[in-house]
Each structure stands twice: as C-alpha cells, then as structure tokens.
C-alpha atoms as a PDB file:
ATOM      1  CA  UNK A   1      75.942  49.361-131.428  1.00  0.00           C
ATOM      2  CA  UNK A   2      72.701  51.006-132.434  1.00  0.00           C
ATOM      3  CA  UNK A   3      69.816  51.794-130.158  1.00  0.00           C
ATOM      4  CA  UNK A   4      66.191  51.212-131.099  1.00  0.00           C
ATOM      5  CA  UNK A   5      64.298  54.522-130.945  1.00  0.00           C
ATOM      6  CA  UNK A   6      61.028  52.851-129.960  1.00  0.00           C
ATOM      7  CA  UNK A   7      62.007  50.994-126.790  1.00  0.00           C
ATOM      8  CA  UNK A   8      65.715  51.773-126.097  1.00  0.00           C
ATOM      9  CA  UNK A   9      66.855  48.192-126.708  1.00  0.00           C
ATOM     10  CA  UNK A  10      70.174  47.499-128.408  1.00  0.00           C
ATOM     11  CA  UNK A  11      70.019  46.342-132.003  1.00  0.00           C
ATOM     12  CA  UNK A  12      72.271  43.411-132.836  1.00  0.00           C
ATOM     13  CA  UNK A  13      72.615  43.801-136.613  1.00  0.00           C
ATOM     14  CA  UNK A  14      72.365  46.383-139.358  1.00  0.00           C
ATOM     15  CA  UNK A  15      71.763  45.209-142.929  1.00  0.00           C
ATOM     16  CA  UNK A  16      72.723  47.375-145.872  1.00  0.00           C
ATOM     17  CA  UNK A  17      70.348  47.878-148.792  1.00  0.00           C
ATOM     18  CA  UNK A  18      71.160  45.861-151.917  1.00  0.00           C
ATOM     19  CA  UNK A  19      69.682  45.572-155.389  1.00  0.00           C
ATOM     20  CA  UNK A  20      69.370  42.163-157.014  1.00  0.00           C
ATOM     21  CA  UNK A  21      68.834  41.755-160.753  1.00  0.00           C
ATOM     22  CA  UNK A  22      66.986  38.842-162.332  1.00  0.00           C
ATOM     23  CA  UNK A  23      66.760  38.313-166.086  1.00  0.00           C
ATOM     24  CA  UNK A  24      65.361  35.762-168.508  1.00  0.00           C
ATOM     25  CA  UNK A  25      64.922  35.651-172.268  1.00  0.00           C
ATOM     26  CA  UNK A  26      62.654  33.145-174.012  1.00  0.00           C
ATOM     27  CA  UNK A  27      62.297  32.125-177.645  1.00  0.00           C
ATOM     28  CA  UNK A  28      59.487  29.938-178.993  1.00  0.00           C
ATOM     29  CA  UNK A  29      59.940  27.587-181.936  1.00  0.00           C
ATOM     30  CA  UNK A  30      56.898  25.477-182.814  1.00  0.00           C
ATOM     31  CA  UNK A  31      55.868  23.812-179.507  1.00  0.00           C
ATOM     32  CA  UNK A  32      59.233  24.325-177.795  1.00  0.00           C
ATOM     33  CA  UNK A  33      60.178  27.293-175.614  1.00  0.00           C
ATOM     34  CA  UNK A  34      63.888  27.877-174.984  1.00  0.00           C
ATOM     35  CA  UNK A  35      64.815  30.096-172.029  1.00  0.00           C
ATOM     36  CA  UNK A  36      68.143  31.463-170.803  1.00  0.00           C
ATOM     37  CA  UNK A  37      68.294  33.476-167.620  1.00  0.00           C
ATOM     38  CA  UNK A  38      69.939  34.306-164.368  1.00  0.00           C
ATOM     39  CA  UNK A  39      69.143  35.187-160.776  1.00  0.00           C
ATOM     40  CA  UNK A  40      71.306  37.778-158.980  1.00  0.00           C
ATOM     41  CA  UNK A  41      73.247  38.220-162.249  1.00  0.00           C
ATOM     42  CA  UNK A  42      75.637  40.853-160.853  1.00  0.00           C
ATOM     43  CA  UNK A  43      76.646  38.504-158.002  1.00  0.00           C
ATOM     44  CA  UNK A  44      75.566  40.812-155.163  1.00  0.00           C
ATOM     45  CA  UNK A  45      75.944  39.394-151.666  1.00  0.00           C
ATOM     46  CA  UNK A  46      74.098  40.294-148.501  1.00  0.00           C
ATOM     47  CA  UNK A  47      75.626  41.934-145.442  1.00  0.00           C
ATOM     48  CA  UNK A  48      77.897  39.472-143.582  1.00  0.00           C
ATOM     49  CA  UNK A  49      76.915  39.013-139.929  1.00  0.00           C
ATOM     50  CA  UNK A  50      78.351  37.557-136.771  1.00  0.00           C
ATOM     51  CA  UNK A  51      77.413  33.866-136.940  1.00  0.00           C
ATOM     52  CA  UNK A  52      75.596  33.953-133.604  1.00  0.00           C
ATOM     53  CA  UNK A  53      73.055  36.418-135.063  1.00  0.00           C
ATOM     54  CA  UNK A  54      71.767  34.277-137.924  1.00  0.00           C
ATOM     55  CA  UNK A  55      69.176  31.506-137.812  1.00  0.00           C
ATOM     56  CA  UNK A  56      71.571  28.772-138.867  1.00  0.00           C
ATOM     57  CA  UNK A  57      74.875  30.093-137.510  1.00  0.00           C
ATOM     58  CA  UNK A  58      76.237  30.994-140.944  1.00  0.00           C
ATOM     59  CA  UNK A  59      77.879  34.117-142.372  1.00  0.00           C
ATOM     60  CA  UNK A  60      74.676  35.298-144.055  1.00  0.00           C
ATOM     61  CA  UNK A  61      71.077  34.956-142.957  1.00  0.00           C
ATOM     62  CA  UNK A  62      69.263  32.332-145.029  1.00  0.00           C
ATOM     63  CA  UNK A  63      66.229  34.550-145.614  1.00  0.00           C
ATOM     64  CA  UNK A  64      68.234  37.258-147.369  1.00  0.00           C
ATOM     65  CA  UNK A  65      68.248  37.195-151.163  1.00  0.00           C
ATOM     66  CA  UNK A  66      71.486  36.494-152.967  1.00  0.00           C
ATOM     67  CA  UNK A  67      73.154  34.494-150.226  1.00  0.00           C
ATOM     68  CA  UNK A  68      74.350  31.961-152.814  1.00  0.00           C
ATOM     69  CA  UNK A  69      75.613  34.488-155.368  1.00  0.00           C
ATOM     70  CA  UNK A  70      74.805  34.480-159.077  1.00  0.00           C
ATOM     71  CA  UNK A  71      72.835  31.627-160.608  1.00  0.00           C
ATOM     72  CA  UNK A  72      72.421  31.125-164.364  1.00  0.00           C
ATOM     73  CA  UNK A  73      70.126  28.634-166.052  1.00  0.00           C
ATOM     74  CA  UNK A  74      68.784  27.255-169.309  1.00  0.00           C
ATOM     75  CA  UNK A  75      65.352  25.727-169.706  1.00  0.00           C
ATOM     76  CA  UNK A  76      63.479  23.934-172.481  1.00  0.00           C
ATOM     77  CA  UNK A  77      59.681  23.725-172.223  1.00  0.00           C
ATOM     78  CA  UNK A  78      57.217  21.856-174.405  1.00  0.00           C
ATOM     79  CA  UNK A  79      53.589  22.844-175.026  1.00  0.00           C
ATOM     80  CA  UNK A  80      51.056  20.046-175.308  1.00  0.00           C
END
C-alpha cells in the first residue's frame, strides 16, 4: 500500500506510465481520400487493477487509453 503525502490516506491503486502510438496515412485521388491508420498500434495495455477499484468492475479502468488493445482502420472519404 502507498500513503498519500498530503493527507495520510491510503491509496488504492498505482498506475504505471504508458505511451500510446496513433498513426494514419492519407492519399488523395481526384475527389476521393483514402486513409489507413491505427490507434494504439503497438498494442499497449493499461495497468491491470483489482476489479473492485474500477468504475465498471472490470480488469482495466474504462477511462484509461488502450484498454481495448490495438485498432486498425481504413477509410474512404469523398469531397463534394
């Protein structure tokens, strides 16, 4: 357990620092824009926690980035 320096209360969780990488590449042909990309491309996960300490009772807090792992996408846009 860790103790809060400010008011001597016991802290219930300690989250490690993580880096998340997002990437996208777009190419425009005429009025079409083709995009390939990814969110959290190195599949970094957040610090697992005791399920009683999260908002929804899950392994990872829903507000932390990367809780779903890597996500890759393709997109086609059209300019009017």
